[in-house]
Structures are given as C-alpha cells and as structure tokens.
Amino acid sequence: QVQLVESGGGLVQPGGSLRLSCLASGFAFSYNVMSWYRQAPGKERELVASISSIGTSTNYADSVKDRFTISRDNAKNMVYLQMNSLKPEDTAVYYCNLYRRDMNYWGKGTLVTVSS
C-alpha cells in the first residue's frame, strides 16, 4: 500500500533553513506528481509546492516562492523541500502528498516551528 514518511522538521530561528524529506513506497513513484502541503494551527491545509513526475516542472504557493525549493530523486523514491529564509508564519505541520486515481494519500507530517 502507499506509504509516505516525512522527516526533517524541527525548531529553527527566523531566517534559518530546513530541508524536509519524504520517502515514498507502494506505488510507481517516478510516474506521479508529488506535493508538499502544510497546516498551521487553526488554519486549513494548503498546498506549498508540487513537482512533476520527472522533476522538470514545479509550482509554488506565492507565500513561499523564491524561498522554498521542491525536488525529487526518483532513484531513491524521495521528494524534498528545501526551505530558506524561514518566517514565523511558516510554522506548520508539513505533509507529503500523492494524488492518484482520485484519492489523496498523506504522510503523518513533520512539524516545523520557526521561532526565536
């Protein structure tokens, strides 16, 4: 079955960086678009970034453009989110996402806290 396991979250000061990772299994990873979402306390889950199956196309939420970079390694079934110039408003649980055959699949998430 589909499994998505996120890692790399933690506490970071404003202006700092973190790299999130997602290990995927149970499906043909290299044929699927992958995404990162986040959910801040009291807010709805929102799309952060997506990457095409072979990594040639990406898109970002306006709030993270020029600060975050999504990438993938199809040989390792991994998708990454490099987050730079972090702001307190980036504090959220970050989720790896697969949308396939009209279903959303989610990992358990990894918490990112941006605070001094």
Protein backbone atom coordinates (compact mmCIF):
# COMPACT_ATOMS: atom_id res chain seq x y z
CA GLN A 1 0.00 0.00 0.00
CA VAL A 2 1.01 3.64 -0.40
CA GLN A 3 3.28 4.91 2.34
CA LEU A 4 4.67 8.41 2.70
CA VAL A 5 7.09 9.12 5.54
CA GLU A 6 8.22 12.68 6.22
CA SER A 7 11.26 13.73 8.19
CA GLY A 8 13.43 16.77 8.80
CA GLY A 9 11.18 19.08 10.77
CA GLY A 10 12.23 20.89 13.90
CA LEU A 11 12.71 24.22 15.61
CA VAL A 12 14.54 26.91 13.66
CA GLN A 13 15.10 30.62 14.16
CA PRO A 14 13.63 33.17 11.74
CA GLY A 15 15.86 33.46 8.70
CA GLY A 16 17.09 29.91 9.09
CA SER A 17 16.80 26.88 6.82
CA LEU A 18 15.47 23.35 6.98
CA ARG A 19 15.28 20.51 4.49
CA LEU A 20 12.30 18.20 4.63
CA SER A 21 12.38 14.71 3.14
CA CYS A 22 9.64 12.28 2.15
CA LEU A 23 10.27 8.61 1.49
CA ALA A 24 7.59 7.06 -0.71
CA SER A 25 6.71 3.42 -1.28
CA GLY A 26 3.91 1.20 -2.52
CA PHE A 27 3.38 2.84 -5.91
CA ALA A 28 5.21 3.78 -9.09
CA PHE A 29 6.87 6.85 -7.70
CA SER A 30 8.56 8.06 -10.88
CA TYR A 31 5.23 8.26 -12.72
CA ASN A 32 3.46 10.53 -10.25
CA VAL A 33 3.31 14.20 -9.34
CA MET A 34 4.28 14.77 -5.72
CA SER A 35 3.40 17.68 -3.48
CA TRP A 36 4.06 19.24 -0.10
CA TYR A 37 1.21 20.73 1.90
CA ARG A 38 1.19 22.41 5.28
CA GLN A 39 -1.32 23.08 8.01
CA ALA A 40 -0.81 25.79 10.57
CA PRO A 41 -2.69 25.77 13.90
CA GLY A 42 -6.29 26.82 13.36
CA LYS A 43 -5.92 27.01 9.60
CA GLU A 44 -6.81 24.85 6.63
CA ARG A 45 -4.27 22.66 4.93
CA GLU A 46 -2.68 24.46 2.00
CA LEU A 47 -0.59 23.49 -0.99
CA VAL A 48 3.03 24.59 -0.67
CA ALA A 49 4.70 23.11 -3.74
CA SER A 50 4.34 20.43 -6.40
CA ILE A 51 6.76 18.71 -8.74
CA SER A 52 6.12 16.77 -11.93
CA SER A 53 6.92 13.09 -12.28
CA ILE A 54 10.38 13.65 -13.77
CA GLY A 55 11.04 16.88 -11.91
CA THR A 56 11.06 19.22 -14.88
CA SER A 57 8.10 21.29 -13.72
CA THR A 58 7.42 22.81 -10.33
CA ASN A 59 4.92 25.21 -8.85
CA TYR A 60 4.79 27.08 -5.57
CA ALA A 61 2.39 28.96 -3.38
CA ASP A 62 3.01 32.68 -3.65
CA SER A 63 3.88 32.81 0.03
CA VAL A 64 6.93 30.55 -0.42
CA LYS A 65 8.14 31.46 -3.92
CA ASP A 66 11.86 32.29 -4.04
CA ARG A 67 12.34 30.82 -0.56
CA PHE A 68 11.38 27.16 -0.91
CA THR A 69 12.56 24.61 -3.48
CA ILE A 70 10.93 21.26 -4.17
CA SER A 71 12.98 18.47 -5.72
CA ARG A 72 12.91 14.71 -6.13
CA ASP A 73 15.19 11.73 -6.59
CA ASN A 74 13.33 9.04 -8.49
CA ALA A 75 16.11 6.52 -7.95
CA LYS A 76 15.57 6.79 -4.20
CA ASN A 77 11.78 7.38 -4.17
CA MET A 78 12.40 10.63 -2.31
CA VAL A 79 10.92 14.10 -2.54
CA TYR A 80 12.46 17.07 -0.74
CA LEU A 81 11.51 20.55 0.32
CA GLN A 82 14.39 22.96 0.91
CA MET A 83 13.13 25.86 2.99
CA ASN A 84 15.24 29.01 3.30
CA SER A 85 14.64 32.40 4.89
CA LEU A 86 12.06 30.86 7.16
CA LYS A 87 9.49 33.10 8.80
CA PRO A 88 7.32 32.57 11.88
CA GLU A 89 4.31 32.26 9.59
CA ASP A 90 5.89 29.15 8.05
CA THR A 91 5.25 27.34 11.32
CA ALA A 92 3.05 24.34 10.50
CA VAL A 93 2.89 20.61 10.12
CA TYR A 94 4.21 19.76 6.67
CA TYR A 95 2.75 16.82 4.78
CA CYS A 96 3.93 14.88 1.78
CA ASN A 97 1.11 14.22 -0.68
CA LEU A 98 0.28 11.90 -3.53
CA TYR A 99 -2.91 12.42 -5.54
CA ARG A 100 -3.61 9.30 -7.54
CA ARG A 101 -6.74 7.73 -9.00
CA ASP A 102 -8.96 10.39 -7.39
CA MET A 103 -7.52 9.74 -3.95
CA ASN A 104 -5.28 11.80 -1.72
CA TYR A 105 -2.58 10.00 0.22
CA TRP A 106 -0.84 11.68 3.15
CA GLY A 107 2.05 11.03 5.42
CA LYS A 108 1.79 11.68 9.16
CA GLY A 109 3.53 15.01 8.76
CA THR A 110 6.56 16.69 10.27
CA LEU A 111 6.35 19.76 12.49
CA VAL A 112 8.27 22.89 11.56
CA THR A 113 8.44 25.63 14.19
CA VAL A 114 10.01 28.97 13.32
CA SER A 115 10.64 30.95 16.46
CA SER A 116 13.34 32.89 18.24
